[in-house]
């Protein structure tokens, strides 16, 4: 795995990014990553330029869909801090519910979701 963070640093021209990824591929990197690329056309250009190497893409915002990335040839996706952010938001909501309601009712609902009993009707 090799990555260039040019897009995260404000780079907008894909050519130097693709050139750097190609250099990484030349020295043996088997999966290439340029986090921050959001434009599907640029993602497709990267996939074609480094083929047959794998390309990893950071899922960035609601507009990015795994199926569309796969159709463009992306073989790996990263979530960055999205899962940690979701966990912290759930923790904060549960803590606020306990503080506000004085009970652990929200915790019971969260536990049901985690075990699947809320959707299966068993809990």
C-alpha atoms as a PDB file:
ATOM      1  CA  UNK A   1       0.000   0.000   0.000  1.00  0.00           C
ATOM      2  CA  UNK A   2       1.264   3.435  -0.900  1.00  0.00           C
ATOM      3  CA  UNK A   3      -0.528   6.731  -0.579  1.00  0.00           C
ATOM      4  CA  UNK A   4      -0.177  10.341  -1.556  1.00  0.00           C
ATOM      5  CA  UNK A   5      -2.018  12.937   0.459  1.00  0.00           C
ATOM      6  CA  UNK A   6      -1.881  15.628  -2.198  1.00  0.00           C
ATOM      7  CA  UNK A   7      -5.673  16.022  -2.326  1.00  0.00           C
ATOM      8  CA  UNK A   8      -5.842  16.352   1.447  1.00  0.00           C
ATOM      9  CA  UNK A   9      -3.246  19.134   1.137  1.00  0.00           C
ATOM     10  CA  UNK A  10      -5.322  21.066  -1.419  1.00  0.00           C
ATOM     11  CA  UNK A  11      -3.998  19.650  -4.706  1.00  0.00           C
ATOM     12  CA  UNK A  12      -6.609  19.989  -7.452  1.00  0.00           C
ATOM     13  CA  UNK A  13      -4.655  18.818 -10.502  1.00  0.00           C
ATOM     14  CA  UNK A  14      -4.818  15.020 -10.764  1.00  0.00           C
ATOM     15  CA  UNK A  15      -1.759  14.713 -13.023  1.00  0.00           C
ATOM     16  CA  UNK A  16       0.920  14.987 -10.290  1.00  0.00           C
ATOM     17  CA  UNK A  17      -1.116  12.650  -8.095  1.00  0.00           C
ATOM     18  CA  UNK A  18      -1.315  10.033 -10.841  1.00  0.00           C
ATOM     19  CA  UNK A  19       2.414  10.459 -11.566  1.00  0.00           C
ATOM     20  CA  UNK A  20       3.261   9.841  -7.912  1.00  0.00           C
ATOM     21  CA  UNK A  21       0.975   6.802  -7.736  1.00  0.00           C
ATOM     22  CA  UNK A  22       2.624   5.401 -10.867  1.00  0.00           C
ATOM     23  CA  UNK A  23       6.059   5.817  -9.255  1.00  0.00           C
ATOM     24  CA  UNK A  24       4.824   3.916  -6.227  1.00  0.00           C
ATOM     25  CA  UNK A  25       3.550   1.163  -8.535  1.00  0.00           C
ATOM     26  CA  UNK A  26       6.915   1.018 -10.312  1.00  0.00           C
ATOM     27  CA  UNK A  27       8.674   0.206  -7.045  1.00  0.00           C
ATOM     28  CA  UNK A  28       6.220  -2.524  -6.106  1.00  0.00           C
ATOM     29  CA  UNK A  29       3.202  -0.979  -4.380  1.00  0.00           C
ATOM     30  CA  UNK A  30       0.263  -3.270  -5.041  1.00  0.00           C
ATOM     31  CA  UNK A  31      -2.509  -0.981  -3.755  1.00  0.00           C
ATOM     32  CA  UNK A  32      -2.544   2.759  -4.343  1.00  0.00           C
ATOM     33  CA  UNK A  33      -4.374   5.380  -2.358  1.00  0.00           C
ATOM     34  CA  UNK A  34      -4.962   9.111  -2.792  1.00  0.00           C
ATOM     35  CA  UNK A  35      -7.351  10.015   0.042  1.00  0.00           C
ATOM     36  CA  UNK A  36      -9.558  13.013  -0.605  1.00  0.00           C
ATOM     37  CA  UNK A  37     -10.276  12.402  -4.295  1.00  0.00           C
ATOM     38  CA  UNK A  38     -14.021  12.909  -4.732  1.00  0.00           C
ATOM     39  CA  UNK A  39     -14.505  13.315  -8.483  1.00  0.00           C
ATOM     40  CA  UNK A  40     -15.587  10.013 -10.047  1.00  0.00           C
ATOM     41  CA  UNK A  41     -13.951  10.949 -13.362  1.00  0.00           C
ATOM     42  CA  UNK A  42     -10.608  11.469 -11.630  1.00  0.00           C
ATOM     43  CA  UNK A  43     -11.059   8.231  -9.689  1.00  0.00           C
ATOM     44  CA  UNK A  44     -11.644   6.429 -12.989  1.00  0.00           C
ATOM     45  CA  UNK A  45      -8.526   8.090 -14.458  1.00  0.00           C
ATOM     46  CA  UNK A  46      -6.474   6.885 -11.477  1.00  0.00           C
ATOM     47  CA  UNK A  47      -7.826   3.328 -11.770  1.00  0.00           C
ATOM     48  CA  UNK A  48      -7.009   3.181 -15.487  1.00  0.00           C
ATOM     49  CA  UNK A  49      -3.556   4.752 -15.048  1.00  0.00           C
ATOM     50  CA  UNK A  50      -2.339   2.332 -12.381  1.00  0.00           C
ATOM     51  CA  UNK A  51      -4.034  -0.844 -13.651  1.00  0.00           C
ATOM     52  CA  UNK A  52      -3.643  -3.685 -12.861  1.00  0.00           C
ATOM     53  CA  UNK A  53      -2.780  -2.401  -9.368  1.00  0.00           C
ATOM     54  CA  UNK A  54      -5.631  -2.000  -6.871  1.00  0.00           C
ATOM     55  CA  UNK A  55      -6.947   1.432  -5.979  1.00  0.00           C
ATOM     56  CA  UNK A  56      -8.264   2.352  -2.542  1.00  0.00           C
ATOM     57  CA  UNK A  57     -10.673   5.290  -2.135  1.00  0.00           C
ATOM     58  CA  UNK A  58     -11.755   7.112   1.001  1.00  0.00           C
ATOM     59  CA  UNK A  59     -15.559   7.170   1.188  1.00  0.00           C
ATOM     60  CA  UNK A  60     -16.057  10.901   1.455  1.00  0.00           C
ATOM     61  CA  UNK A  61     -19.550  12.268   1.888  1.00  0.00           C
ATOM     62  CA  UNK A  62     -22.999  11.008   0.981  1.00  0.00           C
ATOM     63  CA  UNK A  63     -22.441  11.269  -2.785  1.00  0.00           C
ATOM     64  CA  UNK A  64     -19.887   8.443  -2.823  1.00  0.00           C
ATOM     65  CA  UNK A  65     -21.450   5.031  -3.198  1.00  0.00           C
ATOM     66  CA  UNK A  66     -19.571   1.738  -2.944  1.00  0.00           C
ATOM     67  CA  UNK A  67     -21.363   0.307  -6.009  1.00  0.00           C
ATOM     68  CA  UNK A  68     -20.359   3.281  -8.174  1.00  0.00           C
ATOM     69  CA  UNK A  69     -16.758   3.057  -6.969  1.00  0.00           C
ATOM     70  CA  UNK A  70     -16.689  -0.670  -7.717  1.00  0.00           C
ATOM     71  CA  UNK A  71     -18.094  -0.001 -11.193  1.00  0.00           C
ATOM     72  CA  UNK A  72     -15.256   2.489 -11.728  1.00  0.00           C
ATOM     73  CA  UNK A  73     -12.755  -0.263 -10.869  1.00  0.00           C
ATOM     74  CA  UNK A  74     -12.000   0.623  -7.250  1.00  0.00           C
ATOM     75  CA  UNK A  75     -11.189  -2.555  -5.316  1.00  0.00           C
ATOM     76  CA  UNK A  76     -10.917  -1.222  -1.783  1.00  0.00           C
ATOM     77  CA  UNK A  77     -12.606   1.522   0.246  1.00  0.00           C
ATOM     78  CA  UNK A  78     -11.654   3.170   3.515  1.00  0.00           C
ATOM     79  CA  UNK A  79     -13.968   4.831   5.980  1.00  0.00           C
ATOM     80  CA  UNK A  80     -11.404   7.041   7.674  1.00  0.00           C
ATOM     81  CA  UNK A  81     -12.804   8.167  10.992  1.00  0.00           C
ATOM     82  CA  UNK A  82     -16.453   7.650  10.003  1.00  0.00           C
ATOM     83  CA  UNK A  83     -17.041   4.613  12.234  1.00  0.00           C
ATOM     84  CA  UNK A  84     -15.372   6.254  15.215  1.00  0.00           C
ATOM     85  CA  UNK A  85     -17.454   9.392  14.629  1.00  0.00           C
ATOM     86  CA  UNK A  86     -20.662   7.363  14.502  1.00  0.00           C
ATOM     87  CA  UNK A  87     -19.721   5.573  17.713  1.00  0.00           C
ATOM     88  CA  UNK A  88     -19.007   8.852  19.510  1.00  0.00           C
ATOM     89  CA  UNK A  89     -22.317  10.359  18.311  1.00  0.00           C
ATOM     90  CA  UNK A  90     -24.194   7.289  19.595  1.00  0.00           C
ATOM     91  CA  UNK A  91     -22.332   7.463  22.902  1.00  0.00           C
ATOM     92  CA  UNK A  92     -23.166  11.169  23.252  1.00  0.00           C
ATOM     93  CA  UNK A  93     -26.851  10.568  22.416  1.00  0.00           C
ATOM     94  CA  UNK A  94     -27.092   7.762  24.975  1.00  0.00           C
ATOM     95  CA  UNK A  95     -25.377   9.838  27.664  1.00  0.00           C
ATOM     96  CA  UNK A  96     -27.693  12.781  26.982  1.00  0.00           C
ATOM     97  CA  UNK A  97     -30.749  10.512  27.083  1.00  0.00           C
ATOM     98  CA  UNK A  98     -29.712   9.067  30.435  1.00  0.00           C
ATOM     99  CA  UNK A  99     -28.955  12.533  31.775  1.00  0.00           C
ATOM    100  CA  UNK A 100     -32.220  14.001  30.473  1.00  0.00           C
ATOM    101  CA  UNK A 101     -34.601  11.113  31.147  1.00  0.00           C
ATOM    102  CA  UNK A 102     -32.819   9.682  34.141  1.00  0.00           C
ATOM    103  CA  UNK A 103     -33.040   6.187  32.700  1.00  0.00           C
ATOM    104  CA  UNK A 104     -31.212   3.848  30.383  1.00  0.00           C
ATOM    105  CA  UNK A 105     -34.114   3.463  27.939  1.00  0.00           C
ATOM    106  CA  UNK A 106     -31.988   4.530  24.970  1.00  0.00           C
ATOM    107  CA  UNK A 107     -29.301   2.036  25.967  1.00  0.00           C
ATOM    108  CA  UNK A 108     -31.887  -0.748  25.794  1.00  0.00           C
ATOM    109  CA  UNK A 109     -32.871   0.291  22.253  1.00  0.00           C
ATOM    110  CA  UNK A 110     -29.224   0.504  21.198  1.00  0.00           C
ATOM    111  CA  UNK A 111     -28.583  -2.950  22.670  1.00  0.00           C
ATOM    112  CA  UNK A 112     -31.573  -4.348  20.770  1.00  0.00           C
ATOM    113  CA  UNK A 113     -30.189  -2.960  17.517  1.00  0.00           C
ATOM    114  CA  UNK A 114     -26.805  -4.480  18.191  1.00  0.00           C
ATOM    115  CA  UNK A 115     -28.245  -7.933  18.870  1.00  0.00           C
ATOM    116  CA  UNK A 116     -30.727  -7.707  16.010  1.00  0.00           C
ATOM    117  CA  UNK A 117     -33.723  -8.257  18.232  1.00  0.00           C
ATOM    118  CA  UNK A 118     -35.319  -4.933  17.259  1.00  0.00           C
ATOM    119  CA  UNK A 119     -35.503  -5.925  13.605  1.00  0.00           C
ATOM    120  CA  UNK A 120     -36.359  -9.558  14.180  1.00  0.00           C
ATOM    121  CA  UNK A 121     -39.136  -8.915  16.674  1.00  0.00           C
ATOM    122  CA  UNK A 122     -37.547 -11.205  19.259  1.00  0.00           C
ATOM    123  CA  UNK A 123     -36.724  -8.562  21.873  1.00  0.00           C
END
